[in-house]
């Protein structure tokens, strides 16, 4: 009987401190980024999409859908890189504190 109690206590202690954390913080989706692409290779003058910034300890990443940046309409051979939709991108986002000047 004491072995069972010890086992249950050790499982409770391990699970209570071992909850996994999400890789992307909850508030990241609250700060969208507007992506405005120009100088496009297709007959479209500009393309818009959205995304968000993911801050990691060593870098900041822009997360968006693949079709915003790359032309999915072009058929490619396996392992060929997809062409970019446009050559220029303007990213617009706002800080967490809207009263900040920069």
PDB file of N, CA and C in Angstrom:
ATOM      1  N   UNK A   1       0.807  -1.207   0.000  1.00  0.00           N
ATOM      2  CA  UNK A   1       0.000   0.000   0.000  1.00  0.00           C
ATOM      3  C   UNK A   1       0.849   1.271   0.000  1.00  0.00           C
ATOM      4  N   UNK A   2       1.892   1.405   0.812  1.00  0.00           N
ATOM      5  CA  UNK A   2       2.705   2.619   0.793  1.00  0.00           C
ATOM      6  C   UNK A   2       3.331   2.872  -0.575  1.00  0.00           C
ATOM      7  N   UNK A   3       3.636   1.842  -1.338  1.00  0.00           N
ATOM      8  CA  UNK A   3       4.215   2.031  -2.667  1.00  0.00           C
ATOM      9  C   UNK A   3       3.234   2.709  -3.604  1.00  0.00           C
ATOM     10  N   UNK A   4       1.985   2.350  -3.517  1.00  0.00           N
ATOM     11  CA  UNK A   4       0.967   2.973  -4.364  1.00  0.00           C
ATOM     12  C   UNK A   4       0.817   4.457  -4.044  1.00  0.00           C
ATOM     13  N   UNK A   5       0.806   4.778  -2.785  1.00  0.00           N
ATOM     14  CA  UNK A   5       0.676   6.177  -2.384  1.00  0.00           C
ATOM     15  C   UNK A   5       1.877   6.977  -2.864  1.00  0.00           C
ATOM     16  N   UNK A   6       3.042   6.431  -2.727  1.00  0.00           N
ATOM     17  CA  UNK A   6       4.252   7.110  -3.175  1.00  0.00           C
ATOM     18  C   UNK A   6       4.230   7.328  -4.679  1.00  0.00           C
ATOM     19  N   UNK A   7       3.777   6.348  -5.417  1.00  0.00           N
ATOM     20  CA  UNK A   7       3.688   6.464  -6.862  1.00  0.00           C
ATOM     21  C   UNK A   7       2.710   7.550  -7.262  1.00  0.00           C
ATOM     22  N   UNK A   8       1.550   7.595  -6.651  1.00  0.00           N
ATOM     23  CA  UNK A   8       0.549   8.614  -6.960  1.00  0.00           C
ATOM     24  C   UNK A   8       1.081   9.999  -6.624  1.00  0.00           C
ATOM     25  N   UNK A   9       1.726  10.170  -5.491  1.00  0.00           N
ATOM     26  CA  UNK A   9       2.269  11.468  -5.111  1.00  0.00           C
ATOM     27  C   UNK A   9       3.360  11.921  -6.085  1.00  0.00           C
ATOM     28  N   UNK A  10       4.195  11.008  -6.512  1.00  0.00           N
ATOM     29  CA  UNK A  10       5.246  11.408  -7.441  1.00  0.00           C
ATOM     30  C   UNK A  10       4.658  11.791  -8.795  1.00  0.00           C
ATOM     31  N   UNK A  11       3.604  11.122  -9.249  1.00  0.00           N
ATOM     32  CA  UNK A  11       2.956  11.493 -10.508  1.00  0.00           C
ATOM     33  C   UNK A  11       2.289  12.852 -10.410  1.00  0.00           C
ATOM     34  N   UNK A  12       1.653  13.111  -9.293  1.00  0.00           N
ATOM     35  CA  UNK A  12       1.009  14.410  -9.103  1.00  0.00           C
ATOM     36  C   UNK A  12       2.053  15.519  -9.084  1.00  0.00           C
ATOM     37  N   UNK A  13       3.161  15.284  -8.414  1.00  0.00           N
ATOM     38  CA  UNK A  13       4.204  16.302  -8.349  1.00  0.00           C
ATOM     39  C   UNK A  13       4.814  16.539  -9.733  1.00  0.00           C
ATOM     40  N   UNK A  14       5.004  15.501 -10.515  1.00  0.00           N
ATOM     41  CA  UNK A  14       5.594  15.654 -11.845  1.00  0.00           C
ATOM     42  C   UNK A  14       4.651  16.371 -12.796  1.00  0.00           C
ATOM     43  N   UNK A  15       3.364  16.034 -12.750  1.00  0.00           N
ATOM     44  CA  UNK A  15       2.441  16.655 -13.703  1.00  0.00           C
ATOM     45  C   UNK A  15       2.110  18.084 -13.320  1.00  0.00           C
ATOM     46  N   UNK A  16       2.107  18.403 -12.035  1.00  0.00           N
ATOM     47  CA  UNK A  16       1.756  19.772 -11.664  1.00  0.00           C
ATOM     48  C   UNK A  16       2.845  20.763 -12.053  1.00  0.00           C
ATOM     49  N   UNK A  17       4.093  20.329 -12.079  1.00  0.00           N
ATOM     50  CA  UNK A  17       5.164  21.246 -12.461  1.00  0.00           C
ATOM     51  C   UNK A  17       5.598  21.052 -13.905  1.00  0.00           C
ATOM     52  N   UNK A  18       5.029  20.076 -14.601  1.00  0.00           N
ATOM     53  CA  UNK A  18       5.488  19.750 -15.938  1.00  0.00           C
ATOM     54  C   UNK A  18       4.539  20.140 -17.053  1.00  0.00           C
ATOM     55  N   UNK A  19       3.659  21.104 -16.833  1.00  0.00           N
ATOM     56  CA  UNK A  19       2.765  21.540 -17.891  1.00  0.00           C
ATOM     57  C   UNK A  19       3.556  22.168 -19.027  1.00  0.00           C
ATOM     58  N   UNK A  20       3.218  21.815 -20.227  1.00  0.00           N
ATOM     59  CA  UNK A  20       3.913  22.371 -21.393  1.00  0.00           C
ATOM     60  C   UNK A  20       3.425  23.781 -21.668  1.00  0.00           C
ATOM     61  N   UNK A  21       4.331  24.630 -22.094  1.00  0.00           N
ATOM     62  CA  UNK A  21       3.970  25.984 -22.471  1.00  0.00           C
ATOM     63  C   UNK A  21       3.867  26.072 -23.983  1.00  0.00           C
ATOM     64  N   UNK A  22       3.017  26.956 -24.458  1.00  0.00           N
ATOM     65  CA  UNK A  22       2.877  27.149 -25.892  1.00  0.00           C
ATOM     66  C   UNK A  22       4.120  27.836 -26.437  1.00  0.00           C
ATOM     67  N   UNK A  23       4.492  27.478 -27.648  1.00  0.00           N
ATOM     68  CA  UNK A  23       5.662  28.090 -28.280  1.00  0.00           C
ATOM     69  C   UNK A  23       5.370  29.533 -28.678  1.00  0.00           C
ATOM     70  N   UNK A  24       4.123  29.833 -28.999  1.00  0.00           N
ATOM     71  CA  UNK A  24       3.727  31.188 -29.385  1.00  0.00           C
ATOM     72  C   UNK A  24       2.896  31.776 -28.248  1.00  0.00           C
ATOM     73  N   UNK A  25       3.317  32.896 -27.679  1.00  0.00           N
ATOM     74  CA  UNK A  25       2.548  33.507 -26.592  1.00  0.00           C
ATOM     75  C   UNK A  25       1.136  33.880 -27.055  1.00  0.00           C
ATOM     76  N   UNK A  26       0.183  33.826 -26.136  1.00  0.00           N
ATOM     77  CA  UNK A  26      -1.214  34.124 -26.464  1.00  0.00           C
ATOM     78  C   UNK A  26      -1.399  35.518 -27.042  1.00  0.00           C
ATOM     79  N   UNK A  27      -0.642  36.497 -26.557  1.00  0.00           N
ATOM     80  CA  UNK A  27      -0.875  37.873 -27.002  1.00  0.00           C
ATOM     81  C   UNK A  27      -0.275  38.186 -28.372  1.00  0.00           C
ATOM     82  N   UNK A  28       0.479  37.268 -28.988  1.00  0.00           N
ATOM     83  CA  UNK A  28       1.044  37.534 -30.313  1.00  0.00           C
ATOM     84  C   UNK A  28      -0.033  37.778 -31.356  1.00  0.00           C
ATOM     85  N   UNK A  29      -1.146  37.079 -31.269  1.00  0.00           N
ATOM     86  CA  UNK A  29      -2.208  37.239 -32.255  1.00  0.00           C
ATOM     87  C   UNK A  29      -2.962  38.546 -32.066  1.00  0.00           C
ATOM     88  N   UNK A  30      -2.743  39.228 -30.965  1.00  0.00           N
ATOM     89  CA  UNK A  30      -3.406  40.504 -30.716  1.00  0.00           C
ATOM     90  C   UNK A  30      -2.681  41.666 -31.392  1.00  0.00           C
ATOM     91  N   UNK A  31      -1.536  41.427 -32.001  1.00  0.00           N
ATOM     92  CA  UNK A  31      -0.742  42.477 -32.632  1.00  0.00           C
ATOM     93  C   UNK A  31      -0.467  42.112 -34.085  1.00  0.00           C
ATOM     94  N   UNK A  32      -1.453  42.297 -34.956  1.00  0.00           N
ATOM     95  CA  UNK A  32      -1.272  41.889 -36.358  1.00  0.00           C
ATOM     96  C   UNK A  32      -0.301  42.793 -37.104  1.00  0.00           C
ATOM     97  N   UNK A  33       0.231  42.262 -38.192  1.00  0.00           N
ATOM     98  CA  UNK A  33       1.120  43.000 -39.088  1.00  0.00           C
ATOM     99  C   UNK A  33       0.451  43.035 -40.456  1.00  0.00           C
ATOM    100  N   UNK A  34       0.322  44.233 -41.020  1.00  0.00           N
ATOM    101  CA  UNK A  34      -0.179  44.381 -42.381  1.00  0.00           C
ATOM    102  C   UNK A  34       1.010  44.281 -43.321  1.00  0.00           C
ATOM    103  N   UNK A  35       0.923  43.397 -44.302  1.00  0.00           N
ATOM    104  CA  UNK A  35       1.994  43.197 -45.283  1.00  0.00           C
ATOM    105  C   UNK A  35       1.510  43.752 -46.607  1.00  0.00           C
ATOM    106  N   UNK A  36       2.169  44.785 -47.105  1.00  0.00           N
ATOM    107  CA  UNK A  36       1.823  45.401 -48.378  1.00  0.00           C
ATOM    108  C   UNK A  36       2.979  45.150 -49.344  1.00  0.00           C
ATOM    109  N   UNK A  37       2.740  44.292 -50.339  1.00  0.00           N
ATOM    110  CA  UNK A  37       3.766  43.925 -51.312  1.00  0.00           C
ATOM    111  C   UNK A  37       3.611  44.765 -52.570  1.00  0.00           C
ATOM    112  N   UNK A  38       4.737  45.292 -53.083  1.00  0.00           N
ATOM    113  CA  UNK A  38       4.724  46.089 -54.316  1.00  0.00           C
ATOM    114  C   UNK A  38       5.847  45.617 -55.236  1.00  0.00           C
ATOM    115  N   UNK A  39       5.890  46.198 -56.430  1.00  0.00           N
ATOM    116  CA  UNK A  39       6.869  45.809 -57.448  1.00  0.00           C
ATOM    117  C   UNK A  39       6.729  44.320 -57.746  1.00  0.00           C
ATOM    118  N   UNK A  40       5.487  43.936 -58.084  1.00  0.00           N
ATOM    119  CA  UNK A  40       5.149  42.529 -58.264  1.00  0.00           C
ATOM    120  C   UNK A  40       5.500  42.052 -59.667  1.00  0.00           C
ATOM    121  N   UNK A  41       5.784  40.768 -59.769  1.00  0.00           N
ATOM    122  CA  UNK A  41       6.148  40.183 -61.058  1.00  0.00           C
ATOM    123  C   UNK A  41       4.922  39.844 -61.891  1.00  0.00           C
ATOM    124  N   UNK A  42       3.775  39.655 -61.250  1.00  0.00           N
ATOM    125  CA  UNK A  42       2.559  39.340 -61.995  1.00  0.00           C
ATOM    126  C   UNK A  42       1.926  40.625 -62.522  1.00  0.00           C
ATOM    127  N   UNK A  43       0.759  40.515 -63.121  1.00  0.00           N
ATOM    128  CA  UNK A  43       0.078  41.692 -63.656  1.00  0.00           C
ATOM    129  C   UNK A  43      -0.630  42.495 -62.570  1.00  0.00           C
ATOM    130  N   UNK A  44      -0.485  42.098 -61.316  1.00  0.00           N
ATOM    131  CA  UNK A  44      -1.075  42.808 -60.183  1.00  0.00           C
ATOM    132  C   UNK A  44      -0.068  43.826 -59.680  1.00  0.00           C
ATOM    133  N   UNK A  45      -0.523  45.046 -59.379  1.00  0.00           N
ATOM    134  CA  UNK A  45       0.410  46.081 -58.937  1.00  0.00           C
ATOM    135  C   UNK A  45       0.801  45.935 -57.472  1.00  0.00           C
ATOM    136  N   UNK A  46      -0.098  45.398 -56.640  1.00  0.00           N
ATOM    137  CA  UNK A  46       0.243  45.202 -55.230  1.00  0.00           C
ATOM    138  C   UNK A  46      -0.594  44.064 -54.655  1.00  0.00           C
ATOM    139  N   UNK A  47      -0.091  43.482 -53.590  1.00  0.00           N
ATOM    140  CA  UNK A  47      -0.764  42.397 -52.885  1.00  0.00           C
ATOM    141  C   UNK A  47      -0.711  42.720 -51.405  1.00  0.00           C
ATOM    142  N   UNK A  48      -1.799  42.449 -50.691  1.00  0.00           N
ATOM    143  CA  UNK A  48      -1.814  42.660 -49.248  1.00  0.00           C
ATOM    144  C   UNK A  48      -2.123  41.359 -48.537  1.00  0.00           C
ATOM    145  N   UNK A  49      -1.559  41.231 -47.353  1.00  0.00           N
ATOM    146  CA  UNK A  49      -1.817  40.087 -46.498  1.00  0.00           C
ATOM    147  C   UNK A  49      -1.557  40.488 -45.059  1.00  0.00           C
ATOM    148  N   UNK A  50      -1.719  39.556 -44.164  1.00  0.00           N
ATOM    149  CA  UNK A  50      -1.477  39.824 -42.750  1.00  0.00           C
ATOM    150  C   UNK A  50      -0.588  38.733 -42.167  1.00  0.00           C
ATOM    151  N   UNK A  51      -0.066  39.010 -41.000  1.00  0.00           N
ATOM    152  CA  UNK A  51       0.758  38.070 -40.273  1.00  0.00           C
ATOM    153  C   UNK A  51       0.974  38.584 -38.874  1.00  0.00           C
ATOM    154  N   UNK A  52       1.966  38.028 -38.199  1.00  0.00           N
ATOM    155  CA  UNK A  52       2.348  38.543 -36.885  1.00  0.00           C
ATOM    156  C   UNK A  52       3.819  38.265 -36.666  1.00  0.00           C
ATOM    157  N   UNK A  53       4.432  39.030 -35.761  1.00  0.00           N
ATOM    158  CA  UNK A  53       5.827  38.845 -35.417  1.00  0.00           C
ATOM    159  C   UNK A  53       5.933  37.822 -34.295  1.00  0.00           C
ATOM    160  N   UNK A  54       6.910  36.947 -34.403  1.00  0.00           N
ATOM    161  CA  UNK A  54       7.216  35.987 -33.350  1.00  0.00           C
ATOM    162  C   UNK A  54       8.597  36.338 -32.826  1.00  0.00           C
ATOM    163  N   UNK A  55       8.667  36.749 -31.581  1.00  0.00           N
ATOM    164  CA  UNK A  55       9.933  37.128 -30.963  1.00  0.00           C
ATOM    165  C   UNK A  55      10.555  35.920 -30.286  1.00  0.00           C
ATOM    166  N   UNK A  56      11.732  35.552 -30.743  1.00  0.00           N
ATOM    167  CA  UNK A  56      12.519  34.470 -30.152  1.00  0.00           C
ATOM    168  C   UNK A  56      13.723  35.100 -29.448  1.00  0.00           C
ATOM    169  N   UNK A  57      14.431  34.362 -28.617  1.00  0.00           N
ATOM    170  CA  UNK A  57      15.581  34.936 -27.904  1.00  0.00           C
ATOM    171  C   UNK A  57      16.659  35.505 -28.831  1.00  0.00           C
ATOM    172  N   UNK A  58      16.843  34.932 -30.013  1.00  0.00           N
ATOM    173  CA  UNK A  58      17.927  35.390 -30.881  1.00  0.00           C
ATOM    174  C   UNK A  58      17.463  36.055 -32.171  1.00  0.00           C
ATOM    175  N   UNK A  59      16.154  36.088 -32.438  1.00  0.00           N
ATOM    176  CA  UNK A  59      15.669  36.665 -33.700  1.00  0.00           C
ATOM    177  C   UNK A  59      14.194  37.000 -33.584  1.00  0.00           C
ATOM    178  N   UNK A  60      13.711  37.804 -34.523  1.00  0.00           N
ATOM    179  CA  UNK A  60      12.286  38.095 -34.670  1.00  0.00           C
ATOM    180  C   UNK A  60      11.860  37.593 -36.033  1.00  0.00           C
ATOM    181  N   UNK A  61      10.763  36.815 -36.068  1.00  0.00           N
ATOM    182  CA  UNK A  61      10.281  36.207 -37.303  1.00  0.00           C
ATOM    183  C   UNK A  61       8.936  36.806 -37.707  1.00  0.00           C
ATOM    184  N   UNK A  62       8.693  36.898 -38.996  1.00  0.00           N
ATOM    185  CA  UNK A  62       7.390  37.267 -39.519  1.00  0.00           C
ATOM    186  C   UNK A  62       6.674  35.975 -39.888  1.00  0.00           C
ATOM    187  N   UNK A  63       5.514  35.742 -39.301  1.00  0.00           N
ATOM    188  CA  UNK A  63       4.725  34.547 -39.576  1.00  0.00           C
ATOM    189  C   UNK A  63       3.537  34.961 -40.432  1.00  0.00           C
ATOM    190  N   UNK A  64       3.393  34.341 -41.600  1.00  0.00           N
ATOM    191  CA  UNK A  64       2.282  34.624 -42.509  1.00  0.00           C
ATOM    192  C   UNK A  64       2.021  33.383 -43.345  1.00  0.00           C
ATOM    193  N   UNK A  65       0.987  33.425 -44.151  1.00  0.00           N
ATOM    194  CA  UNK A  65       0.679  32.306 -45.042  1.00  0.00           C
ATOM    195  C   UNK A  65       1.644  32.308 -46.225  1.00  0.00           C
ATOM    196  N   UNK A  66       1.959  31.142 -46.724  1.00  0.00           N
ATOM    197  CA  UNK A  66       2.906  31.011 -47.832  1.00  0.00           C
ATOM    198  C   UNK A  66       2.427  31.766 -49.078  1.00  0.00           C
ATOM    199  N   UNK A  67       1.133  31.717 -49.362  1.00  0.00           N
ATOM    200  CA  UNK A  67       0.635  32.332 -50.595  1.00  0.00           C
ATOM    201  C   UNK A  67       0.744  33.856 -50.582  1.00  0.00           C
ATOM    202  N   UNK A  68       0.944  34.460 -49.418  1.00  0.00           N
ATOM    203  CA  UNK A  68       1.137  35.916 -49.363  1.00  0.00           C
ATOM    204  C   UNK A  68       2.478  36.283 -49.988  1.00  0.00           C
ATOM    205  N   UNK A  69       3.514  35.528 -49.724  1.00  0.00           N
ATOM    206  CA  UNK A  69       4.856  35.855 -50.195  1.00  0.00           C
ATOM    207  C   UNK A  69       5.263  35.130 -51.472  1.00  0.00           C
ATOM    208  N   UNK A  70       4.751  33.922 -51.679  1.00  0.00           N
ATOM    209  CA  UNK A  70       5.196  33.106 -52.811  1.00  0.00           C
ATOM    210  C   UNK A  70       4.039  32.815 -53.764  1.00  0.00           C
ATOM    211  N   UNK A  71       4.364  32.695 -55.039  1.00  0.00           N
ATOM    212  CA  UNK A  71       3.368  32.440 -56.076  1.00  0.00           C
ATOM    213  C   UNK A  71       3.058  30.943 -56.121  1.00  0.00           C
ATOM    214  N   UNK A  72       1.893  30.566 -55.604  1.00  0.00           N
ATOM    215  CA  UNK A  72       1.486  29.156 -55.584  1.00  0.00           C
ATOM    216  C   UNK A  72       0.882  28.716 -56.910  1.00  0.00           C
ATOM    217  N   UNK A  73       0.568  29.646 -57.797  1.00  0.00           N
ATOM    218  CA  UNK A  73      -0.064  29.298 -59.075  1.00  0.00           C
ATOM    219  C   UNK A  73       0.927  28.686 -60.059  1.00  0.00           C
ATOM    220  N   UNK A  74       2.213  28.914 -59.861  1.00  0.00           N
ATOM    221  CA  UNK A  74       3.232  28.397 -60.770  1.00  0.00           C
ATOM    222  C   UNK A  74       3.490  26.929 -60.464  1.00  0.00           C
ATOM    223  N   UNK A  75       3.421  26.087 -61.492  1.00  0.00           N
ATOM    224  CA  UNK A  75       3.734  24.664 -61.309  1.00  0.00           C
ATOM    225  C   UNK A  75       5.246  24.479 -61.393  1.00  0.00           C
ATOM    226  N   UNK A  76       5.777  23.731 -60.432  1.00  0.00           N
ATOM    227  CA  UNK A  76       7.223  23.543 -60.357  1.00  0.00           C
ATOM    228  C   UNK A  76       7.571  22.060 -60.303  1.00  0.00           C
ATOM    229  N   UNK A  77       8.770  21.766 -60.725  1.00  0.00           N
ATOM    230  CA  UNK A  77       9.298  20.420 -60.548  1.00  0.00           C
ATOM    231  C   UNK A  77       9.594  20.218 -59.058  1.00  0.00           C
ATOM    232  N   UNK A  78       9.656  18.980 -58.585  1.00  0.00           N
ATOM    233  CA  UNK A  78       9.974  18.737 -57.165  1.00  0.00           C
ATOM    234  C   UNK A  78      11.289  19.406 -56.754  1.00  0.00           C
ATOM    235  N   UNK A  79      11.306  19.913 -55.540  1.00  0.00           N
ATOM    236  CA  UNK A  79      12.470  20.549 -54.920  1.00  0.00           C
ATOM    237  C   UNK A  79      12.886  21.863 -55.574  1.00  0.00           C
ATOM    238  N   UNK A  80      12.024  22.470 -56.364  1.00  0.00           N
ATOM    239  CA  UNK A  80      12.306  23.777 -56.952  1.00  0.00           C
ATOM    240  C   UNK A  80      11.727  24.860 -56.053  1.00  0.00           C
ATOM    241  N   UNK A  81      12.445  25.954 -55.816  1.00  0.00           N
ATOM    242  CA  UNK A  81      11.916  27.029 -54.969  1.00  0.00           C
ATOM    243  C   UNK A  81      10.789  27.777 -55.669  1.00  0.00           C
ATOM    244  N   UNK A  82       9.801  28.177 -54.904  1.00  0.00           N
ATOM    245  CA  UNK A  82       8.687  28.951 -55.465  1.00  0.00           C
ATOM    246  C   UNK A  82       9.134  30.398 -55.671  1.00  0.00           C
ATOM    247  N   UNK A  83       8.670  31.040 -56.746  1.00  0.00           N
ATOM    248  CA  UNK A  83       9.048  32.443 -56.971  1.00  0.00           C
ATOM    249  C   UNK A  83       8.295  33.377 -56.020  1.00  0.00           C
ATOM    250  N   UNK A  84       8.955  34.457 -55.659  1.00  0.00           N
ATOM    251  CA  UNK A  84       8.314  35.473 -54.833  1.00  0.00           C
ATOM    252  C   UNK A  84       7.213  36.176 -55.619  1.00  0.00           C
ATOM    253  N   UNK A  85       6.162  36.587 -54.908  1.00  0.00           N
ATOM    254  CA  UNK A  85       5.084  37.346 -55.545  1.00  0.00           C
ATOM    255  C   UNK A  85       5.584  38.724 -55.987  1.00  0.00           C
ATOM    256  N   UNK A  86       6.331  39.392 -55.122  1.00  0.00           N
ATOM    257  CA  UNK A  86       6.756  40.776 -55.348  1.00  0.00           C
ATOM    258  C   UNK A  86       8.170  40.979 -54.808  1.00  0.00           C
ATOM    259  N   UNK A  87       8.792  42.075 -55.257  1.00  0.00           N
ATOM    260  CA  UNK A  87      10.168  42.355 -54.850  1.00  0.00           C
ATOM    261  C   UNK A  87      10.267  43.231 -53.605  1.00  0.00           C
ATOM    262  N   UNK A  88       9.238  44.001 -53.317  1.00  0.00           N
ATOM    263  CA  UNK A  88       9.276  44.945 -52.186  1.00  0.00           C
ATOM    264  C   UNK A  88       8.142  44.625 -51.216  1.00  0.00           C
ATOM    265  N   UNK A  89       8.424  44.827 -49.922  1.00  0.00           N
ATOM    266  CA  UNK A  89       7.403  44.617 -48.894  1.00  0.00           C
ATOM    267  C   UNK A  89       7.469  45.735 -47.869  1.00  0.00           C
ATOM    268  N   UNK A  90       6.308  46.250 -47.519  1.00  0.00           N
ATOM    269  CA  UNK A  90       6.191  47.213 -46.431  1.00  0.00           C
ATOM    270  C   UNK A  90       5.399  46.538 -45.327  1.00  0.00           C
ATOM    271  N   UNK A  91       5.964  46.523 -44.126  1.00  0.00           N
ATOM    272  CA  UNK A  91       5.314  45.905 -42.971  1.00  0.00           C
ATOM    273  C   UNK A  91       4.849  46.995 -42.034  1.00  0.00           C
ATOM    274  N   UNK A  92       3.586  46.925 -41.629  1.00  0.00           N
ATOM    275  CA  UNK A  92       3.050  47.937 -40.721  1.00  0.00           C
ATOM    276  C   UNK A  92       2.439  47.243 -39.513  1.00  0.00           C
ATOM    277  N   UNK A  93       2.920  47.625 -38.350  1.00  0.00           N
ATOM    278  CA  UNK A  93       2.368  47.086 -37.109  1.00  0.00           C
ATOM    279  C   UNK A  93       2.412  48.184 -36.050  1.00  0.00           C
ATOM    280  N   UNK A  94       1.738  47.966 -34.980  1.00  0.00           N
ATOM    281  CA  UNK A  94       1.669  48.946 -33.908  1.00  0.00           C
ATOM    282  C   UNK A  94       2.230  48.338 -32.634  1.00  0.00           C
ATOM    283  N   UNK A  95       2.827  49.157 -31.766  1.00  0.00           N
ATOM    284  CA  UNK A  95       3.388  48.623 -30.515  1.00  0.00           C
ATOM    285  C   UNK A  95       2.286  48.198 -29.552  1.00  0.00           C
ATOM    286  N   UNK A  96       2.671  47.427 -28.578  1.00  0.00           N
ATOM    287  CA  UNK A  96       1.725  46.987 -27.549  1.00  0.00           C
ATOM    288  C   UNK A  96       1.103  48.188 -26.853  1.00  0.00           C
ATOM    289  N   UNK A  97       1.913  49.191 -26.546  1.00  0.00           N
ATOM    290  CA  UNK A  97       1.449  50.419 -25.911  1.00  0.00           C
ATOM    291  C   UNK A  97       1.264  51.470 -27.005  1.00  0.00           C
ATOM    292  N   UNK A  98       0.037  51.787 -27.358  1.00  0.00           N
ATOM    293  CA  UNK A  98      -0.240  52.713 -28.450  1.00  0.00           C
ATOM    294  C   UNK A  98       0.186  54.149 -28.138  1.00  0.00           C
ATOM    295  N   UNK A  99       0.482  54.446 -26.877  1.00  0.00           N
ATOM    296  CA  UNK A  99       0.924  55.796 -26.517  1.00  0.00           C
ATOM    297  C   UNK A  99       2.400  56.020 -26.789  1.00  0.00           C
ATOM    298  N   UNK A 100       3.156  54.953 -27.134  1.00  0.00           N
ATOM    299  CA  UNK A 100       4.571  55.094 -27.451  1.00  0.00           C
ATOM    300  C   UNK A 100       4.716  55.826 -28.778  1.00  0.00           C
ATOM    301  N   UNK A 101       5.784  56.615 -28.903  1.00  0.00           N
ATOM    302  CA  UNK A 101       5.982  57.388 -30.129  1.00  0.00           C
ATOM    303  C   UNK A 101       6.689  56.597 -31.212  1.00  0.00           C
ATOM    304  N   UNK A 102       7.395  55.519 -30.895  1.00  0.00           N
ATOM    305  CA  UNK A 102       8.095  54.745 -31.929  1.00  0.00           C
ATOM    306  C   UNK A 102       7.621  53.341 -32.034  1.00  0.00           C
TER     307      UNK A 102
END
